[in-house]
Amino acid sequence: MSATELGEWGDYFRMQSFSDVWMDAQFASLKALIVRMVSGSSDAAVADFSLLPEENGIPERTDEELMHLGEGISGGVRYGPDSQPGH
């Protein structure tokens, strides 16, 4: 590798750095391709080899859960009325 190529690679990496999602997608694709080549079957999906959880599988938190978690933050300020009696 020449110094020019190294410099170009550095410029490229600054603009297009490797993220966890990108790396996971690359290795999952590679693993699926290898399984397809060895087994001769096209049943292996890329998603079967991904190590990262699917984004739609993450449950959404309710407002009550978020307010409760916010109360535990050191120095946190709770905005809005406290709707629970006794507080």
N, C-alpha and C. Protein backbone atom coordinates (compact mmCIF):
# COMPACT_ATOMS: atom_id res chain seq x y z
N MET A 1 0.85 -1.17 0.00
CA MET A 1 0.00 0.00 0.00
C MET A 1 0.90 1.23 0.00
N SER A 2 0.61 2.12 -0.90
CA SER A 2 1.41 3.34 -1.00
C SER A 2 0.92 4.37 0.02
N ALA A 3 1.72 5.40 0.22
CA ALA A 3 1.34 6.47 1.13
C ALA A 3 0.09 7.19 0.64
N THR A 4 -0.04 7.32 -0.67
CA THR A 4 -1.23 7.96 -1.24
C THR A 4 -2.48 7.14 -0.95
N GLU A 5 -2.37 5.81 -1.13
CA GLU A 5 -3.51 4.94 -0.85
C GLU A 5 -3.87 4.97 0.63
N LEU A 6 -2.86 5.00 1.49
CA LEU A 6 -3.12 5.09 2.93
C LEU A 6 -3.84 6.38 3.27
N GLY A 7 -3.41 7.48 2.68
CA GLY A 7 -4.07 8.76 2.91
C GLY A 7 -5.51 8.76 2.41
N GLU A 8 -5.74 8.15 1.24
CA GLU A 8 -7.10 8.06 0.71
C GLU A 8 -7.97 7.19 1.61
N TRP A 9 -7.39 6.11 2.13
CA TRP A 9 -8.14 5.25 3.05
C TRP A 9 -8.50 6.02 4.32
N GLY A 10 -7.57 6.80 4.84
CA GLY A 10 -7.86 7.60 6.03
C GLY A 10 -8.98 8.60 5.79
N ASP A 11 -8.96 9.25 4.63
CA ASP A 11 -10.04 10.19 4.28
C ASP A 11 -11.37 9.47 4.19
N TYR A 12 -11.37 8.31 3.54
CA TYR A 12 -12.60 7.54 3.39
C TYR A 12 -13.13 7.09 4.75
N PHE A 13 -12.24 6.61 5.61
CA PHE A 13 -12.66 6.11 6.91
C PHE A 13 -13.23 7.22 7.78
N ARG A 14 -12.70 8.44 7.66
CA ARG A 14 -13.25 9.56 8.42
C ARG A 14 -14.69 9.86 8.00
N MET A 15 -14.98 9.69 6.71
CA MET A 15 -16.33 9.96 6.23
C MET A 15 -17.25 8.75 6.39
N GLN A 16 -16.71 7.55 6.28
CA GLN A 16 -17.51 6.32 6.27
C GLN A 16 -16.94 5.35 7.29
N SER A 17 -17.04 5.69 8.57
CA SER A 17 -16.46 4.81 9.58
C SER A 17 -17.33 3.58 9.77
N PHE A 18 -16.73 2.54 10.28
CA PHE A 18 -17.44 1.28 10.49
C PHE A 18 -18.32 1.40 11.73
N SER A 19 -19.59 1.15 11.57
CA SER A 19 -20.49 1.14 12.71
C SER A 19 -20.82 -0.31 13.07
N ASP A 20 -21.39 -0.51 14.24
CA ASP A 20 -21.75 -1.86 14.66
C ASP A 20 -22.77 -2.48 13.71
N VAL A 21 -23.72 -1.68 13.25
CA VAL A 21 -24.75 -2.19 12.35
C VAL A 21 -24.13 -2.61 11.02
N TRP A 22 -23.23 -1.78 10.51
CA TRP A 22 -22.57 -2.09 9.23
C TRP A 22 -21.74 -3.36 9.34
N MET A 23 -20.95 -3.46 10.41
CA MET A 23 -20.11 -4.64 10.60
C MET A 23 -20.97 -5.90 10.77
N ASP A 24 -22.05 -5.80 11.53
CA ASP A 24 -22.93 -6.94 11.73
C ASP A 24 -23.55 -7.38 10.41
N ALA A 25 -23.97 -6.42 9.60
CA ALA A 25 -24.57 -6.75 8.29
C ALA A 25 -23.56 -7.44 7.38
N GLN A 26 -22.32 -6.96 7.39
CA GLN A 26 -21.29 -7.56 6.54
C GLN A 26 -21.00 -9.01 6.95
N PHE A 27 -20.81 -9.24 8.25
CA PHE A 27 -20.49 -10.60 8.70
C PHE A 27 -21.69 -11.53 8.59
N ALA A 28 -22.89 -11.03 8.82
CA ALA A 28 -24.09 -11.86 8.66
C ALA A 28 -24.26 -12.27 7.20
N SER A 29 -24.00 -11.34 6.28
CA SER A 29 -24.08 -11.66 4.85
C SER A 29 -23.04 -12.72 4.47
N LEU A 30 -21.83 -12.56 4.99
CA LEU A 30 -20.77 -13.52 4.70
C LEU A 30 -21.12 -14.91 5.23
N LYS A 31 -21.61 -14.98 6.47
CA LYS A 31 -21.98 -16.27 7.05
C LYS A 31 -23.12 -16.93 6.27
N ALA A 32 -24.12 -16.14 5.88
CA ALA A 32 -25.24 -16.69 5.11
C ALA A 32 -24.75 -17.21 3.76
N LEU A 33 -23.85 -16.49 3.12
CA LEU A 33 -23.30 -16.91 1.83
C LEU A 33 -22.53 -18.22 1.97
N ILE A 34 -21.74 -18.35 3.01
CA ILE A 34 -20.97 -19.58 3.23
C ILE A 34 -21.91 -20.76 3.46
N VAL A 35 -22.94 -20.57 4.27
CA VAL A 35 -23.89 -21.65 4.52
C VAL A 35 -24.60 -22.05 3.24
N ARG A 36 -24.97 -21.07 2.43
CA ARG A 36 -25.63 -21.38 1.15
C ARG A 36 -24.70 -22.15 0.21
N MET A 37 -23.42 -21.77 0.19
CA MET A 37 -22.47 -22.44 -0.68
C MET A 37 -22.22 -23.87 -0.23
N VAL A 38 -22.06 -24.07 1.07
CA VAL A 38 -21.74 -25.40 1.59
C VAL A 38 -22.95 -26.33 1.53
N SER A 39 -24.11 -25.81 1.89
CA SER A 39 -25.30 -26.67 1.95
C SER A 39 -26.01 -26.81 0.61
N GLY A 40 -25.79 -25.87 -0.30
CA GLY A 40 -26.48 -25.92 -1.58
C GLY A 40 -27.93 -25.50 -1.50
N SER A 41 -28.32 -24.97 -0.37
CA SER A 41 -29.71 -24.55 -0.16
C SER A 41 -29.78 -23.03 -0.04
N SER A 42 -30.92 -22.47 -0.36
CA SER A 42 -31.06 -21.01 -0.23
C SER A 42 -31.95 -20.65 0.96
N ASP A 43 -32.04 -21.55 1.94
CA ASP A 43 -32.88 -21.31 3.11
C ASP A 43 -32.25 -20.37 4.13
N ALA A 44 -30.95 -20.19 4.09
CA ALA A 44 -30.26 -19.36 5.09
C ALA A 44 -30.47 -17.89 4.77
N ALA A 45 -31.14 -17.19 5.67
CA ALA A 45 -31.37 -15.75 5.50
C ALA A 45 -30.31 -14.98 6.27
N VAL A 46 -29.99 -13.81 5.79
CA VAL A 46 -28.98 -12.97 6.44
C VAL A 46 -29.41 -12.64 7.87
N ALA A 47 -30.70 -12.40 8.07
CA ALA A 47 -31.20 -12.04 9.41
C ALA A 47 -30.97 -13.16 10.42
N ASP A 48 -30.87 -14.40 9.96
CA ASP A 48 -30.63 -15.53 10.85
C ASP A 48 -29.24 -15.47 11.49
N PHE A 49 -28.32 -14.74 10.90
CA PHE A 49 -26.95 -14.69 11.39
C PHE A 49 -26.60 -13.35 12.05
N SER A 50 -27.53 -12.45 12.13
CA SER A 50 -27.28 -11.15 12.73
C SER A 50 -27.18 -11.28 14.25
N LEU A 51 -26.21 -10.60 14.83
CA LEU A 51 -26.05 -10.61 16.28
C LEU A 51 -26.82 -9.49 16.97
N LEU A 52 -27.17 -8.47 16.22
CA LEU A 52 -27.89 -7.33 16.80
C LEU A 52 -29.39 -7.61 16.80
N PRO A 53 -30.08 -7.15 17.83
CA PRO A 53 -31.54 -7.36 17.86
C PRO A 53 -32.23 -6.52 16.80
N GLU A 54 -33.38 -7.01 16.35
CA GLU A 54 -34.16 -6.24 15.39
C GLU A 54 -34.71 -5.00 16.08
N GLU A 55 -34.74 -3.90 15.36
CA GLU A 55 -35.21 -2.65 15.96
C GLU A 55 -36.69 -2.70 16.29
N ASN A 56 -37.47 -3.44 15.52
CA ASN A 56 -38.90 -3.50 15.82
C ASN A 56 -39.19 -4.43 16.99
N GLY A 57 -38.20 -5.15 17.48
CA GLY A 57 -38.39 -6.04 18.62
C GLY A 57 -38.20 -5.35 19.96
N ILE A 58 -37.79 -4.10 19.95
CA ILE A 58 -37.57 -3.36 21.19
C ILE A 58 -38.89 -2.76 21.63
N PRO A 59 -39.37 -3.13 22.83
CA PRO A 59 -40.66 -2.59 23.27
C PRO A 59 -40.57 -1.10 23.59
N GLU A 60 -41.64 -0.39 23.29
CA GLU A 60 -41.67 1.04 23.57
C GLU A 60 -42.12 1.26 25.01
N ARG A 61 -41.47 2.16 25.69
CA ARG A 61 -41.80 2.42 27.10
C ARG A 61 -42.98 3.37 27.20
N THR A 62 -43.76 3.17 28.26
CA THR A 62 -44.90 4.04 28.49
C THR A 62 -44.43 5.33 29.15
N ASP A 63 -45.31 6.33 29.16
CA ASP A 63 -44.98 7.61 29.81
C ASP A 63 -44.70 7.41 31.29
N GLU A 64 -45.46 6.53 31.93
CA GLU A 64 -45.27 6.28 33.36
C GLU A 64 -43.88 5.70 33.63
N GLU A 65 -43.45 4.75 32.80
CA GLU A 65 -42.11 4.16 32.97
C GLU A 65 -41.02 5.22 32.77
N LEU A 66 -41.18 6.05 31.76
CA LEU A 66 -40.18 7.08 31.50
C LEU A 66 -40.10 8.09 32.63
N MET A 67 -41.25 8.48 33.18
CA MET A 67 -41.25 9.43 34.30
C MET A 67 -40.59 8.80 35.52
N HIS A 68 -40.87 7.52 35.77
CA HIS A 68 -40.27 6.83 36.91
C HIS A 68 -38.75 6.74 36.75
N LEU A 69 -38.29 6.42 35.55
CA LEU A 69 -36.85 6.36 35.31
C LEU A 69 -36.21 7.73 35.43
N GLY A 70 -36.91 8.77 34.99
CA GLY A 70 -36.38 10.13 35.09
C GLY A 70 -36.23 10.60 36.52
N GLU A 71 -37.07 10.09 37.42
CA GLU A 71 -36.96 10.47 38.83
C GLU A 71 -35.66 9.96 39.45
N GLY A 72 -35.14 8.88 38.92
CA GLY A 72 -33.93 8.29 39.48
C GLY A 72 -32.65 8.96 39.02
N ILE A 73 -32.73 9.86 38.05
CA ILE A 73 -31.54 10.54 37.56
C ILE A 73 -31.08 11.55 38.60
N SER A 74 -29.83 11.48 38.98
CA SER A 74 -29.29 12.39 39.98
C SER A 74 -29.37 13.83 39.49
N GLY A 75 -30.03 14.67 40.26
CA GLY A 75 -30.17 16.07 39.88
C GLY A 75 -31.27 16.31 38.88
N GLY A 76 -32.03 15.27 38.56
CA GLY A 76 -33.11 15.40 37.58
C GLY A 76 -34.27 16.21 38.13
N VAL A 77 -34.94 16.92 37.26
CA VAL A 77 -36.09 17.73 37.64
C VAL A 77 -37.30 17.15 36.94
N ARG A 78 -38.36 16.93 37.69
CA ARG A 78 -39.59 16.40 37.10
C ARG A 78 -40.49 17.56 36.72
N TYR A 79 -40.84 17.60 35.46
CA TYR A 79 -41.72 18.65 34.95
C TYR A 79 -43.13 18.10 34.82
N GLY A 80 -44.10 18.91 35.13
CA GLY A 80 -45.50 18.50 35.01
C GLY A 80 -46.04 18.08 36.36
N PRO A 81 -47.36 17.98 36.44
CA PRO A 81 -47.98 17.63 37.72
C PRO A 81 -47.74 16.16 38.06
N ASP A 82 -47.66 15.90 39.35
CA ASP A 82 -47.53 14.53 39.83
C ASP A 82 -48.94 13.99 40.00
N SER A 83 -49.33 13.06 39.17
CA SER A 83 -50.71 12.59 39.17
C SER A 83 -50.97 11.49 40.20
N GLN A 84 -49.93 11.03 40.87
CA GLN A 84 -50.12 9.98 41.86
C GLN A 84 -50.37 10.60 43.23
N PRO A 85 -51.42 10.18 43.92
CA PRO A 85 -51.69 10.74 45.25
C PRO A 85 -50.62 10.35 46.25
N GLY A 86 -50.36 11.24 47.18
CA GLY A 86 -49.38 10.95 48.23
C GLY A 86 -47.97 11.38 47.90
N HIS A 87 -47.76 12.00 46.76
CA HIS A 87 -46.41 12.43 46.38
C HIS A 87 -46.31 13.92 46.46
